[in-house]
Amino acid sequence: LLRELKHINVITLQRVFLSHADRRVYLLFDFAEHDLWHIIKFHRSAKQNKKTVICARGMVKSLLYQILAGIHYLHSNWILHRDL
């Protein structure tokens, strides 16, 4: 399914590697400097440590727009993301 998806806000699957020796599947994706999980984890740990992290309103808007645009594309193609 990932091979067929083409949208700027959905990560692209480049190749699939099968390792028959250790019975594993490896997926090669485009490089992403950050992923949403690491951003959430960073802010969650800062909050627990009572550190103030300034998050620009524009960055929040940009992240939210990217998430919603990707979800809209998936839902338009009758695909549900497993983590939603």
Protein backbone atom coordinates (compact mmCIF):
# COMPACT_ATOMS: atom_id res chain seq x y z
CA LEU A 1 0.00 0.00 0.00
CA LEU A 2 2.81 2.43 0.87
CA ARG A 3 4.33 2.00 -2.58
CA GLU A 4 1.16 3.37 -4.20
CA LEU A 5 0.81 6.47 -2.00
CA LYS A 6 2.09 9.71 -3.54
CA HIS A 7 1.59 12.81 -1.41
CA ILE A 8 3.96 15.43 -0.02
CA ASN A 9 2.72 14.82 3.55
CA VAL A 10 2.98 11.02 3.43
CA ILE A 11 6.46 9.49 3.66
CA THR A 12 7.60 7.62 0.56
CA LEU A 13 8.61 3.98 0.69
CA GLN A 14 11.69 3.62 -1.51
CA ARG A 15 12.52 -0.10 -1.32
CA VAL A 16 11.72 -3.28 0.55
CA PHE A 17 14.54 -5.67 1.49
CA LEU A 18 13.91 -9.25 2.53
CA SER A 19 16.47 -11.09 4.59
CA HIS A 20 15.80 -14.79 4.24
CA ALA A 21 18.69 -15.70 6.56
CA ASP A 22 17.20 -14.06 9.66
CA ARG A 23 13.59 -13.89 8.35
CA ARG A 24 13.30 -10.09 8.51
CA VAL A 25 11.81 -7.37 6.36
CA TYR A 26 13.59 -4.01 6.05
CA LEU A 27 11.82 -0.92 4.69
CA LEU A 28 13.77 1.98 3.18
CA PHE A 29 11.97 5.33 3.45
CA ASP A 30 12.85 8.86 2.38
CA PHE A 31 15.04 10.73 4.87
CA ALA A 32 13.07 12.74 7.40
CA GLU A 33 15.07 15.03 9.67
CA HIS A 34 12.39 14.83 12.36
CA ASP A 35 9.38 12.69 12.94
CA LEU A 36 6.30 13.59 14.94
CA TRP A 37 6.98 11.03 17.67
CA HIS A 38 10.36 12.58 18.52
CA ILE A 39 8.88 16.09 18.59
CA ILE A 40 6.12 14.95 20.97
CA LYS A 41 8.65 13.06 23.12
CA PHE A 42 10.90 16.13 23.35
CA HIS A 43 8.08 18.41 24.48
CA ARG A 44 6.68 15.82 26.88
CA SER A 45 10.05 15.36 28.61
CA ALA A 46 10.58 19.14 28.79
CA LYS A 47 7.18 19.50 30.44
CA GLN A 48 7.97 16.75 32.97
CA ASN A 49 11.28 18.44 33.80
CA LYS A 50 9.44 21.76 34.17
CA LYS A 51 11.49 23.37 31.40
CA THR A 52 9.88 26.08 29.31
CA VAL A 53 10.02 25.37 25.59
CA ILE A 54 8.88 28.17 23.34
CA CYS A 55 6.99 26.77 20.39
CA ALA A 56 6.25 29.32 17.69
CA ARG A 57 2.62 29.57 16.69
CA GLY A 58 3.65 29.27 13.03
CA MET A 59 5.43 25.98 13.68
CA VAL A 60 2.35 24.55 15.43
CA LYS A 61 0.17 25.67 12.51
CA SER A 62 2.59 24.15 10.01
CA LEU A 63 2.77 20.80 11.81
CA LEU A 64 -0.99 20.63 12.20
CA TYR A 65 -1.54 21.52 8.54
CA GLN A 66 0.88 18.79 7.41
CA ILE A 67 -0.78 16.19 9.62
CA LEU A 68 -4.29 17.10 8.49
CA ALA A 69 -3.31 17.26 4.81
CA GLY A 70 -1.74 13.78 5.04
CA ILE A 71 -4.76 12.37 6.87
CA HIS A 72 -7.11 13.96 4.33
CA TYR A 73 -5.18 12.31 1.48
CA LEU A 74 -5.33 8.93 3.22
CA HIS A 75 -9.02 9.20 4.04
CA SER A 76 -9.79 10.38 0.48
CA ASN A 77 -8.30 7.07 -0.67
CA TRP A 78 -10.21 5.02 1.93
CA ILE A 79 -7.11 4.37 4.04
CA LEU A 80 -7.14 4.58 7.84
CA HIS A 81 -3.87 5.19 9.66
CA ARG A 82 -3.33 2.59 12.36
CA ASP A 83 -2.15 5.11 15.00
CA LEU A 84 -5.17 7.41 14.84
